[in-house]
N, C-alpha and C. Protein backbone atom coordinates (compact mmCIF):
# COMPACT_ATOMS: atom_id res chain seq x y z
N MET A 1 40.59 76.08 -59.06
CA MET A 1 39.50 76.85 -59.54
C MET A 1 37.95 75.62 -59.06
N ALA A 2 38.32 74.73 -58.46
CA ALA A 2 37.15 74.19 -58.08
C ALA A 2 36.25 74.64 -57.11
N ALA A 3 37.12 75.11 -56.17
CA ALA A 3 36.43 76.24 -55.18
C ALA A 3 35.30 77.66 -55.77
N PHE A 4 36.13 77.39 -56.84
CA PHE A 4 35.35 79.46 -57.06
C PHE A 4 34.16 79.07 -58.05
N VAL A 5 34.34 77.59 -58.96
CA VAL A 5 32.83 77.43 -59.52
C VAL A 5 32.12 76.71 -58.91
N VAL A 6 32.27 75.83 -57.64
CA VAL A 6 31.03 75.74 -56.69
C VAL A 6 30.39 77.16 -56.24
N MET A 7 31.58 77.99 -55.70
CA MET A 7 30.97 78.94 -54.93
C MET A 7 30.26 80.12 -56.25
N GLU A 8 30.75 80.31 -57.39
CA GLU A 8 30.05 80.85 -58.12
C GLU A 8 29.39 80.70 -59.33
N ASP A 9 29.05 79.75 -59.41
CA ASP A 9 28.54 79.21 -60.94
C ASP A 9 28.56 77.40 -60.49
N THR A 10 27.49 76.77 -59.93
CA THR A 10 27.68 75.43 -60.01
C THR A 10 27.71 74.20 -61.14
N ARG A 11 26.83 75.15 -61.94
CA ARG A 11 26.27 74.18 -63.09
C ARG A 11 27.50 74.90 -64.43
N PHE A 12 28.20 75.80 -63.89
CA PHE A 12 29.26 76.28 -64.86
C PHE A 12 29.29 75.26 -66.36
N PHE A 13 30.32 74.01 -66.14
CA PHE A 13 30.48 72.95 -67.14
C PHE A 13 29.60 72.08 -67.70
N ARG A 14 28.32 72.64 -67.66
CA ARG A 14 26.81 71.46 -68.11
C ARG A 14 25.98 73.21 -68.56
N HIS A 15 26.16 74.62 -69.04
CA HIS A 15 25.33 75.45 -69.16
C HIS A 15 26.19 76.09 -71.08
N ASP A 16 25.49 76.90 -71.40
CA ASP A 16 25.76 76.81 -72.27
C ASP A 16 26.21 78.64 -72.68
N GLY A 17 26.76 78.76 -71.05
CA GLY A 17 26.64 80.48 -70.74
C GLY A 17 25.83 81.01 -69.99
N PHE A 18 24.46 80.39 -70.29
CA PHE A 18 23.22 81.39 -69.58
C PHE A 18 22.45 80.53 -68.47
N GLU A 19 22.36 80.90 -67.68
CA GLU A 19 21.40 80.23 -66.27
C GLU A 19 19.30 80.82 -66.33
N ARG A 20 19.15 79.87 -67.66
CA ARG A 20 17.80 80.51 -68.10
C ARG A 20 16.99 80.77 -66.90
N GLU A 21 17.10 80.03 -66.01
CA GLU A 21 15.72 79.46 -65.00
C GLU A 21 16.39 81.16 -63.97
N GLN A 22 17.08 80.83 -63.70
CA GLN A 22 17.87 82.27 -62.88
C GLN A 22 18.07 83.59 -63.06
N ILE A 23 17.97 83.37 -64.61
CA ILE A 23 17.96 85.14 -65.04
C ILE A 23 16.61 85.47 -65.16
N GLU A 24 15.82 84.19 -65.44
CA GLU A 24 13.90 84.44 -65.47
C GLU A 24 13.73 85.38 -63.98
N ARG A 25 14.39 84.31 -62.95
CA ARG A 25 13.88 84.50 -61.62
C ARG A 25 14.33 85.71 -60.85
N ALA A 26 15.24 86.27 -61.44
CA ALA A 26 16.23 87.73 -61.72
C ALA A 26 15.40 88.72 -61.78
N LEU A 27 15.30 88.73 -63.20
CA LEU A 27 14.26 89.39 -64.00
C LEU A 27 12.19 90.34 -62.95
N TRP A 28 12.29 88.57 -62.55
CA TRP A 28 10.88 88.89 -61.73
C TRP A 28 11.13 89.74 -60.50
N PHE A 29 11.89 89.29 -60.24
CA PHE A 29 12.36 89.64 -58.35
C PHE A 29 12.65 91.27 -58.73
N ASN A 30 13.40 91.74 -59.84
CA ASN A 30 13.76 92.89 -60.48
C ASN A 30 12.44 94.03 -60.55
N LEU A 31 11.63 93.25 -61.49
CA LEU A 31 10.72 93.96 -61.83
C LEU A 31 9.68 94.77 -60.56
N GLY A 32 9.71 93.28 -59.34
CA GLY A 32 8.75 93.59 -57.83
C GLY A 32 9.52 94.83 -57.41
N ALA A 33 10.94 94.19 -57.40
CA ALA A 33 11.68 96.31 -56.75
C ALA A 33 11.74 97.04 -57.13
N GLY A 34 11.54 97.05 -58.23
CA GLY A 34 11.96 98.57 -59.48
C GLY A 34 13.06 98.90 -59.57
N ARG A 35 14.18 97.78 -59.59
CA ARG A 35 15.90 97.74 -59.69
C ARG A 35 16.67 97.43 -59.56
N PHE A 36 17.70 97.21 -60.18
CA PHE A 36 18.19 95.88 -59.95
C PHE A 36 18.61 95.51 -58.92
N ALA A 37 18.22 94.23 -58.57
CA ALA A 37 18.10 94.24 -57.26
C ALA A 37 19.14 92.71 -56.56
N ARG A 38 18.72 91.83 -57.67
CA ARG A 38 19.40 90.83 -57.60
C ARG A 38 19.96 90.06 -59.89
N GLY A 39 21.02 89.21 -59.52
CA GLY A 39 21.77 89.23 -60.35
C GLY A 39 21.32 87.95 -60.81
N ALA A 40 21.79 87.64 -61.90
CA ALA A 40 22.32 86.29 -62.15
C ALA A 40 23.03 85.20 -62.94
N SER A 41 24.36 86.22 -62.86
CA SER A 41 25.23 86.69 -63.71
C SER A 41 25.93 84.99 -63.70
N THR A 42 26.49 84.14 -64.34
CA THR A 42 27.18 83.08 -64.63
C THR A 42 29.04 83.52 -65.01
N ILE A 43 29.49 81.91 -64.59
CA ILE A 43 31.18 82.88 -65.00
C ILE A 43 31.61 83.54 -66.38
N SER A 44 30.85 82.86 -67.29
CA SER A 44 30.98 83.21 -68.31
C SER A 44 30.70 84.71 -68.50
N GLN A 45 29.49 85.00 -68.00
CA GLN A 45 28.78 85.87 -67.92
C GLN A 45 29.75 87.14 -67.13
N GLN A 46 30.10 86.60 -66.33
CA GLN A 46 31.34 88.23 -65.61
C GLN A 46 32.26 87.66 -66.50
N THR A 47 33.06 87.29 -67.02
CA THR A 47 34.25 87.28 -67.54
C THR A 47 34.66 88.16 -68.84
N ALA A 48 33.04 88.19 -69.13
CA ALA A 48 32.67 88.86 -70.10
C ALA A 48 32.55 90.49 -69.78
N ARG A 49 31.62 90.79 -68.89
CA ARG A 49 31.50 91.84 -68.08
C ARG A 49 33.01 92.55 -67.47
N ASN A 50 33.82 91.67 -67.46
CA ASN A 50 35.26 91.61 -66.61
C ASN A 50 36.43 91.94 -67.29
N LEU A 51 36.22 91.28 -68.76
CA LEU A 51 37.23 92.15 -69.36
C LEU A 51 36.78 93.04 -70.37
N TRP A 52 35.35 93.31 -70.77
CA TRP A 52 35.15 94.41 -71.61
C TRP A 52 34.23 95.50 -71.74
N LEU A 53 33.23 95.19 -70.73
CA LEU A 53 31.97 96.44 -70.13
C LEU A 53 32.66 96.35 -68.57
N GLY A 54 31.94 97.75 -68.64
CA GLY A 54 31.95 98.19 -66.97
C GLY A 54 30.81 97.30 -66.14
N MET A 55 30.46 97.54 -65.09
CA MET A 55 30.22 97.35 -63.58
C MET A 55 28.36 97.96 -64.28
N ASP A 56 28.17 99.17 -65.31
CA ASP A 56 26.95 99.91 -65.52
C ASP A 56 26.38 98.43 -65.45
N ARG A 57 24.78 99.13 -64.06
CA ARG A 57 23.41 98.02 -64.67
C ARG A 57 22.15 98.29 -65.14
N SER A 58 22.83 98.43 -66.67
CA SER A 58 21.77 99.27 -68.16
C SER A 58 20.81 97.75 -68.49
N LEU A 59 19.70 98.27 -69.10
CA LEU A 59 19.25 96.69 -69.90
C LEU A 59 20.49 96.29 -70.86
N GLY A 60 20.82 98.05 -71.60
CA GLY A 60 21.59 97.53 -73.08
C GLY A 60 22.74 97.47 -72.78
N ARG A 61 23.89 97.16 -71.19
CA ARG A 61 24.94 96.78 -71.15
C ARG A 61 24.26 95.49 -70.87
N LYS A 62 23.87 94.35 -69.94
CA LYS A 62 23.47 93.65 -70.17
C LYS A 62 23.43 92.49 -71.71
N LEU A 63 23.11 93.13 -72.56
CA LEU A 63 22.48 93.34 -74.06
C LEU A 63 24.17 93.12 -74.84
N GLN A 64 24.71 93.99 -74.60
CA GLN A 64 26.47 93.27 -74.74
C GLN A 64 26.83 92.14 -74.32
N GLU A 65 26.70 92.13 -72.94
CA GLU A 65 27.43 91.06 -71.99
C GLU A 65 26.33 89.59 -72.34
N ALA A 66 25.52 89.74 -72.96
CA ALA A 66 24.58 88.01 -73.04
C ALA A 66 25.47 88.25 -74.87
N MET A 67 26.10 88.71 -75.71
CA MET A 67 26.90 88.98 -77.16
C MET A 67 28.19 88.31 -76.96
N LEU A 68 28.92 89.57 -76.38
CA LEU A 68 30.23 88.59 -75.88
C LEU A 68 29.94 87.47 -74.65
N THR A 69 29.13 87.08 -74.27
CA THR A 69 29.12 85.46 -73.81
C THR A 69 28.74 84.84 -74.63
N ALA A 70 27.83 84.98 -75.31
CA ALA A 70 27.37 84.23 -76.20
C ALA A 70 29.29 83.13 -77.01
N MET A 71 29.39 84.78 -77.28
CA MET A 71 30.72 84.27 -78.39
C MET A 71 31.88 83.79 -77.26
N LEU A 72 32.19 84.39 -76.31
CA LEU A 72 33.33 83.31 -75.17
C LEU A 72 32.49 81.63 -75.60
N GLU A 73 31.76 81.72 -75.33
CA GLU A 73 31.71 80.36 -75.47
C GLU A 73 31.11 79.23 -76.84
N ASP A 74 31.08 79.86 -78.05
CA ASP A 74 31.24 79.89 -78.69
C ASP A 74 32.35 79.23 -79.63
N LYS A 75 34.43 79.73 -78.96
CA LYS A 75 35.53 80.40 -79.40
C LYS A 75 36.64 79.67 -78.46
N LEU A 76 35.39 79.20 -77.36
CA LEU A 76 36.67 78.95 -76.49
C LEU A 76 36.10 77.55 -75.01
N ASP A 77 37.20 76.57 -74.60
CA ASP A 77 36.76 76.46 -73.88
C ASP A 77 36.32 76.33 -72.63
N LYS A 78 35.46 75.79 -72.38
CA LYS A 78 35.14 76.57 -70.17
C LYS A 78 36.45 76.17 -69.69
N ARG A 79 37.38 75.34 -70.04
CA ARG A 79 38.54 75.83 -68.55
C ARG A 79 38.90 77.51 -69.58
N ARG A 80 39.27 77.54 -70.55
CA ARG A 80 39.82 78.63 -70.88
C ARG A 80 38.55 79.30 -70.67
N ILE A 81 37.94 79.73 -70.48
CA ILE A 81 36.77 80.78 -69.78
C ILE A 81 37.23 81.54 -68.60
């Protein structure tokens, strides 16, 4: 598990499910590219997407992912996620 956390989300145990700075960087990068070229998903966001959502890269799907991530973080311990 430690290797996975280091590779995917080094601040996993310290954030609330969202890396706002990385989200902002990805937003500006993607706006400049004119497409979804860079992601900023945390392990919690990836878990929500993989359990309940598809790989669609739309804004609507990202909003659903954010709501599900917040619920995961509220209800479950990090080790359970």
